[in-house]
Amino acid sequence: MPTFTYSARDMSGKLINGTLDAAGQREATAMLAEKSLFPVEVKEAVGNTSIASLTGRKKKVNGQTMALFYSQLASLLRAGVPMMRSLTVLGNQSSNSTLKEVMGEIKGKVEDGQPLGDAMSKFPRVFSEMGCNMVRAGSEGGFLEDALERVGAFTELQEDLKGRTVSAMAYPIFLFSVGSVVLTALLVFFVPKFDMLFERLRKKGEMPRMTEWLLSFSGFLQSYGWILLIAVAIAGFAINLKMKTDAGKDLADRIKLKIPVLGDILMSLAVARFCRVLGTLLGNGVPILKSLEIAGSAAGNRLLTRSIADATENIKSGESLATPLRSSGYFPQSVAEMISVGEESNSLDTVLPDIADSLEKTTFRRLDLFVRLLEPMMLLVMAILVLGVVLALLVPVLKSSTTL
């Protein structure tokens, strides 16, 4: 809980200064009243950050937990349970320590008169900007329960999509990792044992060139493998630092889009995410400029985000949304046309989720096909590499046996 400093007078009028822990300023004032103290000033202590604030900034809560939270809060409010009691119930029953701490502080802020959306926005690592803005719009428009339900459904859908993407790529990554370990073990521990066996062929100049290369590379790994590992670790650390800069993030997103087949899939998923977030926000009464700002940052690709920001400037000057999106080169022609139709009919909030559904279905079919082709291709590559090692060792053995 936050720590508050206070100045208060007792029954005799004596000024008393002190500190106390409370969920909010209102609770702190009530605690002073229980002690027969009349508060003069109550404020949160400077330099004392509560545990909830720290967890709100430093820890994330997984999407499935947040989807359940939004849905349960909507159900409680729809059933007529008061806001304060609903927040208390959800905080007490939560098994996630971060969310439990954050709920205690949010309850205190709401008790002090802050709107729920503003209180949630103090914890950006827990509550997304989209969720906070939808809750604000729902509170102001009188449809908070509907807004919470939509945020919960959207969060759950996004987690499902993320899970499908991760599970699709898990097996190819596993194949690559296992294959790399097996091949490295062959080169470091198995191949060097043949070096002495081929000494006679080497002296005669009959050693196959492929075998010579293999033995040289194996010897290099044995002698300097640790230097290579250190170099890879340093390179990884440098790349990680670079990726934390804006230039590094731009470069990473640009490289992703240039990967054959996979680049188009990633861009389609980013466009679908943008359309779904924008449609959800517009459907919940969030102004279009704010919706575009949030949806652009939620797209997941900085190049796409930048083109959406340019489109936002066009809207500010009275132009349509579809034109700059079409000219950016990141949006398929069919998507831009559907957005244009949605603008003309004033139905963007319903058209955009339909676009997202269509894009996601098409993209995941392409992703499934890509993964199905990738798995045998990786197996084939690994088999060719292992076969190359075996042949490089087998040919000299056969040559030695024929010359005996």
Protein backbone atom coordinates (compact mmCIF):
# COMPACT_ATOMS: atom_id res chain seq x y z
CA MET A 1 0.00 0.00 0.00
CA PRO A 2 1.09 3.62 -0.51
CA THR A 3 2.51 5.53 2.44
CA PHE A 4 0.89 8.88 3.29
CA THR A 5 2.28 11.72 5.36
CA TYR A 6 -0.19 13.76 7.35
CA SER A 7 -0.55 16.80 9.54
CA ALA A 8 -3.50 16.65 11.91
CA ARG A 9 -4.74 18.19 15.15
CA ASP A 10 -5.96 16.23 18.13
CA MET A 11 -8.91 17.09 20.41
CA SER A 12 -6.79 19.64 22.28
CA GLY A 13 -5.69 21.38 19.07
CA LYS A 14 -2.12 20.07 19.15
CA LEU A 15 -0.54 19.62 15.70
CA ILE A 16 0.63 16.07 15.04
CA ASN A 17 2.70 14.91 12.06
CA GLY A 18 3.14 11.30 11.02
CA THR A 19 2.81 8.64 8.35
CA LEU A 20 0.40 5.78 7.73
CA ASP A 21 -0.27 3.15 5.07
CA ALA A 22 -3.59 3.25 3.23
CA ALA A 23 -5.06 2.20 -0.10
CA GLY A 24 -5.95 5.80 -0.93
CA GLN A 25 -6.23 9.32 0.42
CA ARG A 26 -9.84 8.84 1.44
CA GLU A 27 -8.97 5.73 3.47
CA ALA A 28 -6.06 7.61 5.09
CA THR A 29 -8.43 10.41 6.13
CA ALA A 30 -10.89 7.87 7.56
CA MET A 31 -8.10 6.23 9.57
CA LEU A 32 -7.18 9.60 11.08
CA ALA A 33 -10.82 10.21 12.01
CA GLU A 34 -10.92 6.86 13.81
CA LYS A 35 -7.99 8.09 15.92
CA SER A 36 -9.92 11.31 16.77
CA LEU A 37 -7.52 13.38 14.66
CA PHE A 38 -8.63 16.23 12.42
CA PRO A 39 -6.55 16.18 9.21
CA VAL A 40 -4.93 19.42 8.08
CA GLU A 41 -2.99 17.89 5.16
CA VAL A 42 -2.78 14.34 3.83
CA LYS A 43 -0.55 13.48 0.86
CA GLU A 44 1.34 10.52 -0.53
CA ALA A 45 4.89 10.34 0.74
CA VAL A 46 7.54 11.48 -1.74
CA GLY A 47 10.02 8.75 -2.65
CA ASN A 48 7.87 5.95 -1.26
CA THR A 49 6.56 4.01 -4.23
CA SER A 50 4.06 1.37 -3.37
CA ILE A 51 4.53 -2.27 -4.25
CA ALA A 52 1.54 -2.08 -6.55
CA SER A 53 3.06 0.82 -8.47
CA LEU A 54 6.32 -1.07 -8.87
CA THR A 55 4.62 -4.21 -10.08
CA GLY A 56 2.44 -2.15 -12.40
CA ARG A 57 5.58 -0.81 -14.05
CA LYS A 58 7.92 -3.78 -13.86
CA LYS A 59 5.74 -6.84 -14.28
CA LYS A 60 3.24 -7.86 -16.90
CA VAL A 61 0.13 -9.92 -16.38
CA ASN A 62 -0.52 -12.54 -19.07
CA GLY A 63 -3.30 -11.89 -21.55
CA GLN A 64 -5.53 -14.79 -20.47
CA THR A 65 -5.59 -13.48 -16.89
CA MET A 66 -6.47 -9.97 -18.10
CA ALA A 67 -9.20 -11.30 -20.42
CA LEU A 68 -10.75 -13.14 -17.47
CA PHE A 69 -10.49 -10.00 -15.31
CA TYR A 70 -12.32 -7.82 -17.85
CA SER A 71 -15.05 -10.43 -18.35
CA GLN A 72 -15.58 -10.98 -14.63
CA LEU A 73 -15.72 -7.25 -13.88
CA ALA A 74 -18.30 -6.80 -16.65
CA SER A 75 -20.40 -9.69 -15.25
CA LEU A 76 -20.29 -8.31 -11.69
CA LEU A 77 -21.28 -4.80 -12.77
CA ARG A 78 -24.05 -6.15 -15.03
CA ALA A 79 -25.39 -8.15 -12.07
CA GLY A 80 -25.72 -4.91 -10.08
CA VAL A 81 -22.68 -5.33 -7.81
CA PRO A 82 -21.27 -1.86 -6.92
CA MET A 83 -17.93 -0.88 -8.45
CA MET A 84 -16.01 -0.82 -5.14
CA ARG A 85 -17.27 -4.24 -4.11
CA SER A 86 -16.57 -5.64 -7.59
CA LEU A 87 -12.96 -4.43 -7.46
CA THR A 88 -12.57 -5.86 -3.95
CA VAL A 89 -13.95 -9.26 -4.97
CA LEU A 90 -11.72 -9.47 -8.05
CA GLY A 91 -8.66 -8.40 -6.07
CA ASN A 92 -9.28 -10.95 -3.32
CA GLN A 93 -9.94 -13.89 -5.64
CA SER A 94 -7.07 -13.19 -8.06
CA SER A 95 -4.29 -15.78 -7.92
CA ASN A 96 -1.89 -13.38 -9.68
CA SER A 97 0.08 -11.43 -7.06
CA THR A 98 0.76 -8.51 -9.41
CA LEU A 99 -2.91 -8.07 -10.33
CA LYS A 100 -3.92 -8.43 -6.68
CA GLU A 101 -1.58 -5.60 -5.64
CA VAL A 102 -2.61 -3.40 -8.55
CA MET A 103 -6.32 -3.93 -7.82
CA GLY A 104 -5.80 -2.70 -4.25
CA GLU A 105 -4.28 0.55 -5.47
CA ILE A 106 -6.86 1.02 -8.24
CA LYS A 107 -9.62 0.64 -5.67
CA GLY A 108 -8.02 3.38 -3.58
CA LYS A 109 -7.74 5.72 -6.57
CA VAL A 110 -11.37 5.11 -7.56
CA GLU A 111 -12.44 5.77 -3.96
CA ASP A 112 -10.60 9.09 -4.19
CA GLY A 113 -12.78 10.03 -7.14
CA GLN A 114 -10.65 9.02 -10.13
CA PRO A 115 -12.46 7.42 -13.06
CA LEU A 116 -11.71 3.71 -13.51
CA GLY A 117 -10.02 4.26 -16.88
CA ASP A 118 -7.67 6.90 -15.45
CA ALA A 119 -6.80 4.68 -12.49
CA MET A 120 -6.03 1.78 -14.83
CA SER A 121 -3.81 3.97 -17.01
CA LYS A 122 -1.38 4.39 -14.07
CA PHE A 123 -0.32 0.77 -14.68
CA PRO A 124 0.62 0.56 -18.38
CA ARG A 125 2.42 -2.74 -17.90
CA VAL A 126 -0.82 -4.34 -16.71
CA PHE A 127 -3.59 -2.52 -18.59
CA SER A 128 -3.14 -1.76 -22.28
CA GLU A 129 -3.72 1.74 -23.62
CA MET A 130 -6.54 0.37 -25.75
CA GLY A 131 -8.26 -1.15 -22.72
CA CYS A 132 -7.94 2.07 -20.70
CA ASN A 133 -9.41 4.18 -23.50
CA MET A 134 -12.30 1.79 -24.06
CA VAL A 135 -13.10 1.83 -20.33
CA ARG A 136 -13.00 5.66 -20.39
CA ALA A 137 -15.35 5.75 -23.37
CA GLY A 138 -17.65 3.20 -21.72
CA SER A 139 -17.75 5.17 -18.46
CA GLU A 140 -18.53 8.43 -20.22
CA GLY A 141 -21.09 6.88 -22.59
CA GLY A 142 -22.89 4.74 -20.03
CA PHE A 143 -21.95 1.38 -21.55
CA LEU A 144 -19.08 0.36 -19.29
CA GLU A 145 -20.20 -3.27 -19.02
CA ASP A 146 -20.32 -3.66 -22.81
CA ALA A 147 -16.91 -1.99 -23.16
CA LEU A 148 -15.37 -4.33 -20.57
CA GLU A 149 -16.86 -7.37 -22.29
CA ARG A 150 -15.45 -6.27 -25.64
CA VAL A 151 -12.00 -5.63 -24.15
CA GLY A 152 -12.09 -9.09 -22.57
CA ALA A 153 -13.17 -10.77 -25.82
CA PHE A 154 -10.55 -8.84 -27.81
CA THR A 155 -7.76 -9.69 -25.33
CA GLU A 156 -8.69 -13.38 -25.38
CA LEU A 157 -8.75 -13.41 -29.19
CA GLN A 158 -5.33 -11.76 -29.38
CA GLU A 159 -3.91 -14.33 -26.96
CA ASP A 160 -5.36 -17.15 -29.06
CA LEU A 161 -3.77 -15.71 -32.20
CA LYS A 162 -0.44 -15.31 -30.42
CA GLY A 163 -0.64 -18.87 -29.13
CA ARG A 164 -1.40 -20.23 -32.61
CA THR A 165 1.58 -18.37 -34.08
CA VAL A 166 3.96 -19.57 -31.36
CA SER A 167 2.76 -23.18 -31.57
CA ALA A 168 3.09 -23.14 -35.37
CA MET A 169 6.75 -22.10 -35.15
CA ALA A 170 7.66 -24.24 -32.12
CA TYR A 171 8.36 -27.49 -34.00
CA PRO A 172 10.56 -25.95 -36.75
CA ILE A 173 12.58 -24.14 -34.08
CA PHE A 174 12.91 -27.42 -32.15
CA LEU A 175 14.12 -29.21 -35.28
CA PHE A 176 16.67 -26.51 -36.00
CA SER A 177 17.97 -26.52 -32.41
CA VAL A 178 18.30 -30.31 -32.16
CA GLY A 179 19.86 -30.57 -35.62
CA SER A 180 22.42 -27.88 -34.81
CA VAL A 181 23.39 -29.63 -31.55
CA VAL A 182 23.75 -33.02 -33.27
CA LEU A 183 25.83 -31.60 -36.13
CA THR A 184 28.09 -29.67 -33.75
CA ALA A 185 28.61 -32.79 -31.61
CA LEU A 186 29.59 -34.75 -34.73
CA LEU A 187 32.12 -32.14 -35.80
CA VAL A 188 33.66 -31.63 -32.35
CA PHE A 189 33.72 -35.15 -30.88
CA PHE A 190 33.32 -37.68 -33.69
CA VAL A 191 35.11 -36.35 -36.78
CA PRO A 192 38.53 -35.65 -35.12
CA LYS A 193 38.91 -39.36 -34.31
CA PHE A 194 39.42 -40.04 -38.04
CA ASP A 195 42.30 -37.62 -38.46
CA MET A 196 45.03 -40.13 -37.61
CA LEU A 197 43.38 -42.84 -39.75
CA PHE A 198 43.76 -40.72 -42.86
CA GLU A 199 47.39 -39.74 -42.27
CA ARG A 200 48.70 -42.23 -44.87
CA LEU A 201 46.33 -40.88 -47.54
CA ARG A 202 47.37 -37.35 -46.67
CA LYS A 203 51.05 -38.22 -47.15
CA LYS A 204 50.29 -39.76 -50.54
CA GLY A 205 48.26 -36.69 -51.54
CA GLU A 206 45.19 -38.82 -52.09
CA MET A 207 43.05 -37.21 -49.39
CA PRO A 208 39.68 -36.02 -50.87
CA ARG A 209 39.35 -32.27 -50.71
CA MET A 210 35.95 -32.47 -49.04
CA THR A 211 37.42 -34.61 -46.24
CA GLU A 212 40.33 -32.21 -45.80
CA TRP A 213 37.94 -29.29 -45.43
CA LEU A 214 35.82 -31.22 -42.94
CA LEU A 215 38.82 -32.17 -40.79
CA SER A 216 40.16 -28.60 -40.90
CA PHE A 217 36.83 -27.17 -39.84
CA SER A 218 36.51 -29.79 -37.09
CA GLY A 219 40.01 -28.93 -35.83
CA PHE A 220 39.15 -25.26 -35.84
CA LEU A 221 36.05 -25.90 -33.71
CA GLN A 222 38.08 -27.99 -31.28
CA SER A 223 40.84 -25.40 -30.93
CA TYR A 224 38.93 -22.15 -31.23
CA GLY A 225 35.32 -23.12 -30.53
CA TRP A 226 35.37 -21.29 -27.21
CA ILE A 227 36.50 -18.10 -29.00
CA LEU A 228 33.64 -18.55 -31.46
CA LEU A 229 31.17 -18.96 -28.59
CA ILE A 230 32.47 -15.78 -26.91
CA ALA A 231 32.24 -13.91 -30.23
CA VAL A 232 28.64 -15.10 -30.72
CA ALA A 233 27.77 -14.07 -27.15
CA ILE A 234 29.31 -10.61 -27.64
CA ALA A 235 27.52 -10.23 -30.99
CA GLY A 236 24.24 -11.27 -29.37
CA PHE A 237 24.74 -8.75 -26.56
CA ALA A 238 25.57 -5.98 -29.07
CA ILE A 239 22.52 -6.84 -31.19
CA ASN A 240 20.34 -6.83 -28.08
CA LEU A 241 21.58 -3.34 -27.18
CA LYS A 242 21.03 -2.20 -30.76
CA MET A 243 17.48 -3.56 -30.74
CA LYS A 244 16.65 -1.29 -27.79
CA THR A 245 17.28 1.81 -29.92
CA ASP A 246 14.79 3.26 -32.39
CA ALA A 247 17.18 2.71 -35.29
CA GLY A 248 17.67 -0.93 -34.29
CA LYS A 249 13.92 -1.54 -34.01
CA ASP A 250 13.36 0.03 -37.43
CA LEU A 251 16.09 -2.16 -38.92
CA ALA A 252 14.65 -5.32 -37.32
CA ASP A 253 11.16 -4.59 -38.66
CA ARG A 254 12.59 -3.85 -42.11
CA ILE A 255 14.53 -7.13 -42.13
CA LYS A 256 11.47 -9.11 -41.01
CA LEU A 257 9.47 -7.82 -43.97
CA LYS A 258 12.21 -8.84 -46.44
CA ILE A 259 12.19 -12.51 -45.36
CA PRO A 260 10.69 -14.50 -48.27
CA VAL A 261 7.10 -15.62 -47.63
CA LEU A 262 7.36 -15.03 -43.87
CA GLY A 263 7.68 -11.26 -44.36
CA ASP A 264 4.31 -11.06 -46.14
CA ILE A 265 2.72 -13.20 -43.41
CA LEU A 266 4.05 -10.95 -40.64
CA MET A 267 2.85 -7.79 -42.42
CA SER A 268 -0.62 -9.30 -42.98
CA LEU A 269 -0.87 -10.15 -39.28
CA ALA A 270 0.19 -6.59 -38.37
CA VAL A 271 -2.45 -5.10 -40.72
CA ALA A 272 -5.10 -7.44 -39.27
CA ARG A 273 -4.14 -6.42 -35.72
CA PHE A 274 -4.38 -2.74 -36.67
CA CYS A 275 -7.82 -3.21 -38.24
CA ARG A 276 -9.16 -5.14 -35.26
CA VAL A 277 -7.90 -2.67 -32.66
CA LEU A 278 -9.13 0.33 -34.66
CA GLY A 279 -12.55 -1.23 -35.26
CA THR A 280 -12.91 -2.18 -31.59
CA LEU A 281 -12.00 1.33 -30.41
CA LEU A 282 -14.30 3.07 -32.91
CA GLY A 283 -17.12 0.69 -31.95
CA ASN A 284 -16.72 1.77 -28.33
CA GLY A 285 -16.93 5.50 -29.01
CA VAL A 286 -13.23 6.41 -28.89
CA PRO A 287 -12.51 9.38 -31.24
CA ILE A 288 -10.92 8.38 -34.54
CA LEU A 289 -7.66 10.32 -34.07
CA LYS A 290 -7.05 8.74 -30.67
CA SER A 291 -8.11 5.35 -32.05
CA LEU A 292 -5.63 5.63 -34.92
CA GLU A 293 -2.83 6.55 -32.52
CA ILE A 294 -3.52 3.52 -30.32
CA ALA A 295 -4.16 1.10 -33.19
CA GLY A 296 -1.02 2.23 -34.99
CA SER A 297 1.18 1.58 -31.95
CA ALA A 298 -0.54 -1.79 -31.41
CA ALA A 299 0.16 -2.97 -34.98
CA GLY A 300 3.53 -4.41 -33.96
CA ASN A 301 5.57 -3.04 -36.86
CA ARG A 302 7.22 0.37 -36.70
CA LEU A 303 7.14 0.90 -40.47
CA LEU A 304 3.41 0.28 -40.50
CA THR A 305 3.01 2.50 -37.43
CA ARG A 306 4.79 5.33 -39.22
CA SER A 307 2.57 5.05 -42.29
CA ILE A 308 -0.53 5.08 -40.06
CA ALA A 309 0.77 8.23 -38.34
CA ASP A 310 1.09 9.87 -41.78
CA ALA A 311 -2.47 8.82 -42.55
CA THR A 312 -3.59 10.42 -39.28
CA GLU A 313 -2.13 13.73 -40.42
CA ASN A 314 -4.17 13.45 -43.61
CA ILE A 315 -7.34 12.94 -41.59
CA LYS A 316 -6.55 16.03 -39.54
CA SER A 317 -6.50 18.01 -42.78
CA GLY A 318 -9.88 16.62 -43.81
CA GLU A 319 -8.81 13.84 -46.20
CA SER A 320 -9.88 10.20 -46.17
CA LEU A 321 -8.11 7.38 -44.34
CA ALA A 322 -8.03 4.90 -47.23
CA THR A 323 -5.96 7.03 -49.64
CA PRO A 324 -2.72 7.32 -47.60
CA LEU A 325 -3.04 3.72 -46.42
CA ARG A 326 -3.28 2.55 -50.02
CA SER A 327 -0.28 4.62 -51.09
CA SER A 328 1.86 3.34 -48.16
CA GLY A 329 2.32 -0.02 -49.89
CA TYR A 330 1.71 -2.02 -46.70
CA PHE A 331 -2.06 -2.42 -47.10
CA PRO A 332 -3.42 -4.81 -49.75
CA GLN A 333 -5.55 -3.14 -52.42
CA SER A 334 -8.65 -5.07 -51.32
CA VAL A 335 -8.21 -3.93 -47.70
CA ALA A 336 -7.82 -0.28 -48.72
CA GLU A 337 -10.98 -0.54 -50.88
CA MET A 338 -12.99 -2.02 -48.00
CA ILE A 339 -11.78 0.75 -45.68
CA SER A 340 -12.80 3.31 -48.32
CA VAL A 341 -16.28 1.77 -48.53
CA GLY A 342 -16.51 1.75 -44.73
CA GLU A 343 -15.65 5.47 -44.63
CA GLU A 344 -18.24 6.32 -47.27
CA SER A 345 -20.97 4.36 -45.48
CA ASN A 346 -19.84 5.51 -42.00
CA SER A 347 -19.49 1.89 -40.90
CA LEU A 348 -15.78 1.56 -40.19
CA ASP A 349 -16.47 0.11 -36.74
CA THR A 350 -18.15 -2.93 -38.34
CA VAL A 351 -16.10 -3.18 -41.55
CA LEU A 352 -12.69 -3.21 -39.84
CA PRO A 353 -13.30 -6.29 -37.63
CA ASP A 354 -14.58 -8.12 -40.74
CA ILE A 355 -11.37 -7.18 -42.57
CA ALA A 356 -9.34 -8.45 -39.62
CA ASP A 357 -11.26 -11.77 -39.57
CA SER A 358 -10.72 -12.28 -43.30
CA LEU A 359 -7.02 -11.36 -43.16
CA GLU A 360 -6.36 -13.60 -40.16
CA LYS A 361 -8.05 -16.63 -41.77
CA THR A 362 -6.11 -16.16 -45.01
CA THR A 363 -2.83 -15.45 -43.24
CA PHE A 364 -3.05 -18.42 -40.89
CA ARG A 365 -3.75 -20.71 -43.83
CA ARG A 366 -0.57 -19.37 -45.44
CA LEU A 367 1.31 -19.73 -42.14
CA ASP A 368 0.16 -23.34 -41.73
CA LEU A 369 1.27 -24.11 -45.30
CA PHE A 370 4.60 -22.35 -44.72
CA VAL A 371 5.25 -24.35 -41.54
CA ARG A 372 4.25 -27.63 -43.22
CA LEU A 373 6.73 -26.95 -46.01
CA LEU A 374 9.39 -25.67 -43.60
CA GLU A 375 9.47 -28.84 -41.50
CA PRO A 376 10.44 -31.27 -44.33
CA MET A 377 12.80 -28.65 -45.78
CA MET A 378 14.66 -28.39 -42.47
CA LEU A 379 14.75 -32.17 -42.14
CA LEU A 380 16.12 -32.38 -45.68
CA VAL A 381 18.81 -29.76 -45.01
CA MET A 382 19.89 -31.50 -41.80
CA ALA A 383 19.92 -34.87 -43.58
CA ILE A 384 22.09 -33.44 -46.39
CA LEU A 385 24.55 -31.96 -43.91
CA VAL A 386 24.83 -35.20 -41.93
CA LEU A 387 25.13 -37.19 -45.16
CA GLY A 388 27.91 -34.84 -46.29
CA VAL A 389 29.81 -35.52 -43.05
CA VAL A 390 29.34 -39.28 -43.42
CA LEU A 391 30.43 -39.31 -47.08
CA ALA A 392 33.46 -37.12 -46.33
CA LEU A 393 34.57 -39.77 -43.82
CA LEU A 394 33.43 -42.83 -45.73
CA VAL A 395 35.14 -42.10 -49.06
CA PRO A 396 38.69 -42.05 -47.59
CA VAL A 397 37.91 -45.22 -45.61
CA LEU A 398 36.88 -47.01 -48.81
CA LYS A 399 39.90 -45.63 -50.67
CA SER A 400 42.22 -46.86 -47.90
CA SER A 401 40.71 -50.35 -48.01
CA THR A 402 41.22 -50.64 -51.77
CA THR A 403 44.89 -49.68 -51.58
CA LEU A 404 45.77 -52.23 -48.93
